[in-house]
């Protein structure tokens, strides 16, 4: 299941990054609470970490993105 979860997270982060890039203003915006660098930068950093992350770090990244965590929990098995 670790590889499946890792792939799911990577795919969802790619989608999130694509959406955030499409909506990004020309100047960097102040980040939301918990994301001082901004949501886009945080998502990009997390995506860069996913491929080499261990199971614990995958869970930490997943928990930092509540929409992705909820989608993982509610997926059909």
C-alpha atoms as a PDB file:
ATOM      1  CA  UNK A   1       0.000   0.000   0.000  1.00  0.00           C
ATOM      2  CA  UNK A   2       2.928   2.371   0.537  1.00  0.00           C
ATOM      3  CA  UNK A   3       3.674   2.667  -3.173  1.00  0.00           C
ATOM      4  CA  UNK A   4      -0.024   3.121  -3.985  1.00  0.00           C
ATOM      5  CA  UNK A   5      -0.332   5.878  -1.392  1.00  0.00           C
ATOM      6  CA  UNK A   6       2.857   7.527  -2.631  1.00  0.00           C
ATOM      7  CA  UNK A   7       1.620   7.470  -6.245  1.00  0.00           C
ATOM      8  CA  UNK A   8      -1.803   8.811  -5.194  1.00  0.00           C
ATOM      9  CA  UNK A   9      -0.172  11.653  -3.273  1.00  0.00           C
ATOM     10  CA  UNK A  10       2.194  12.502  -6.133  1.00  0.00           C
ATOM     11  CA  UNK A  11      -0.667  12.587  -8.635  1.00  0.00           C
ATOM     12  CA  UNK A  12      -2.847  14.751  -6.410  1.00  0.00           C
ATOM     13  CA  UNK A  13       0.012  17.148  -5.676  1.00  0.00           C
ATOM     14  CA  UNK A  14       0.675  17.441  -9.422  1.00  0.00           C
ATOM     15  CA  UNK A  15      -2.999  18.349  -9.934  1.00  0.00           C
ATOM     16  CA  UNK A  16      -2.923  20.837  -7.062  1.00  0.00           C
ATOM     17  CA  UNK A  17       0.238  22.485  -8.383  1.00  0.00           C
ATOM     18  CA  UNK A  18      -1.243  22.758 -11.875  1.00  0.00           C
ATOM     19  CA  UNK A  19      -4.388  24.423 -10.462  1.00  0.00           C
ATOM     20  CA  UNK A  20      -2.417  26.784  -8.230  1.00  0.00           C
ATOM     21  CA  UNK A  21      -0.095  27.763 -11.087  1.00  0.00           C
ATOM     22  CA  UNK A  22      -3.090  28.536 -13.294  1.00  0.00           C
ATOM     23  CA  UNK A  23      -4.522  30.805 -10.597  1.00  0.00           C
ATOM     24  CA  UNK A  24      -1.223  32.331  -9.451  1.00  0.00           C
ATOM     25  CA  UNK A  25      -0.925  36.120  -9.437  1.00  0.00           C
ATOM     26  CA  UNK A  26       2.062  37.682 -11.155  1.00  0.00           C
ATOM     27  CA  UNK A  27       3.531  38.687  -7.763  1.00  0.00           C
ATOM     28  CA  UNK A  28       3.945  36.237  -4.872  1.00  0.00           C
ATOM     29  CA  UNK A  29       1.135  36.434  -2.344  1.00  0.00           C
ATOM     30  CA  UNK A  30       1.389  36.093   1.424  1.00  0.00           C
ATOM     31  CA  UNK A  31       0.942  32.486   2.433  1.00  0.00           C
ATOM     32  CA  UNK A  32      -1.952  31.111   4.406  1.00  0.00           C
ATOM     33  CA  UNK A  33      -1.451  30.102   8.053  1.00  0.00           C
ATOM     34  CA  UNK A  34       0.676  26.972   8.131  1.00  0.00           C
ATOM     35  CA  UNK A  35       2.010  27.756   4.644  1.00  0.00           C
ATOM     36  CA  UNK A  36       4.264  30.804   5.167  1.00  0.00           C
ATOM     37  CA  UNK A  37       5.821  30.347   1.718  1.00  0.00           C
ATOM     38  CA  UNK A  38       2.427  30.182   0.039  1.00  0.00           C
ATOM     39  CA  UNK A  39       0.362  27.183  -0.964  1.00  0.00           C
ATOM     40  CA  UNK A  40       2.039  26.799  -4.349  1.00  0.00           C
ATOM     41  CA  UNK A  41       5.578  26.758  -2.957  1.00  0.00           C
ATOM     42  CA  UNK A  42       4.538  24.375  -0.186  1.00  0.00           C
ATOM     43  CA  UNK A  43       2.886  22.004  -2.674  1.00  0.00           C
ATOM     44  CA  UNK A  44       5.939  22.151  -4.959  1.00  0.00           C
ATOM     45  CA  UNK A  45       8.285  21.407  -2.060  1.00  0.00           C
ATOM     46  CA  UNK A  46       6.124  18.510  -0.902  1.00  0.00           C
ATOM     47  CA  UNK A  47       5.942  17.128  -4.451  1.00  0.00           C
ATOM     48  CA  UNK A  48       9.733  17.222  -4.694  1.00  0.00           C
ATOM     49  CA  UNK A  49       9.956  15.255  -1.430  1.00  0.00           C
ATOM     50  CA  UNK A  50       7.389  12.548  -2.286  1.00  0.00           C
ATOM     51  CA  UNK A  51       9.576  10.382  -4.536  1.00  0.00           C
ATOM     52  CA  UNK A  52      12.199   9.803  -1.848  1.00  0.00           C
ATOM     53  CA  UNK A  53      10.007  10.027   1.265  1.00  0.00           C
ATOM     54  CA  UNK A  54       9.586   7.153   3.682  1.00  0.00           C
ATOM     55  CA  UNK A  55       6.121   6.078   4.853  1.00  0.00           C
ATOM     56  CA  UNK A  56       6.179   8.406   7.864  1.00  0.00           C
ATOM     57  CA  UNK A  57       7.021  11.442   5.737  1.00  0.00           C
ATOM     58  CA  UNK A  58       4.362  10.472   3.161  1.00  0.00           C
ATOM     59  CA  UNK A  59       1.823  10.564   6.008  1.00  0.00           C
ATOM     60  CA  UNK A  60       3.131  13.961   7.163  1.00  0.00           C
ATOM     61  CA  UNK A  61       2.829  15.405   3.659  1.00  0.00           C
ATOM     62  CA  UNK A  62      -0.613  13.875   3.208  1.00  0.00           C
ATOM     63  CA  UNK A  63      -1.794  15.389   6.503  1.00  0.00           C
ATOM     64  CA  UNK A  64      -0.545  18.820   5.418  1.00  0.00           C
ATOM     65  CA  UNK A  65      -3.030  18.715   2.522  1.00  0.00           C
ATOM     66  CA  UNK A  66      -6.430  17.983   4.045  1.00  0.00           C
ATOM     67  CA  UNK A  67      -8.240  17.689   0.687  1.00  0.00           C
ATOM     68  CA  UNK A  68      -5.783  15.043  -0.494  1.00  0.00           C
ATOM     69  CA  UNK A  69      -5.959  13.190   2.825  1.00  0.00           C
ATOM     70  CA  UNK A  70      -9.772  13.185   2.645  1.00  0.00           C
ATOM     71  CA  UNK A  71      -9.699  11.882  -0.935  1.00  0.00           C
ATOM     72  CA  UNK A  72      -7.297   9.093   0.102  1.00  0.00           C
ATOM     73  CA  UNK A  73      -9.551   8.111   2.993  1.00  0.00           C
ATOM     74  CA  UNK A  74     -12.705   8.058   0.881  1.00  0.00           C
ATOM     75  CA  UNK A  75     -11.329   6.284  -2.197  1.00  0.00           C
ATOM     76  CA  UNK A  76     -12.853   2.997  -3.345  1.00  0.00           C
ATOM     77  CA  UNK A  77     -10.682  -0.004  -2.689  1.00  0.00           C
END
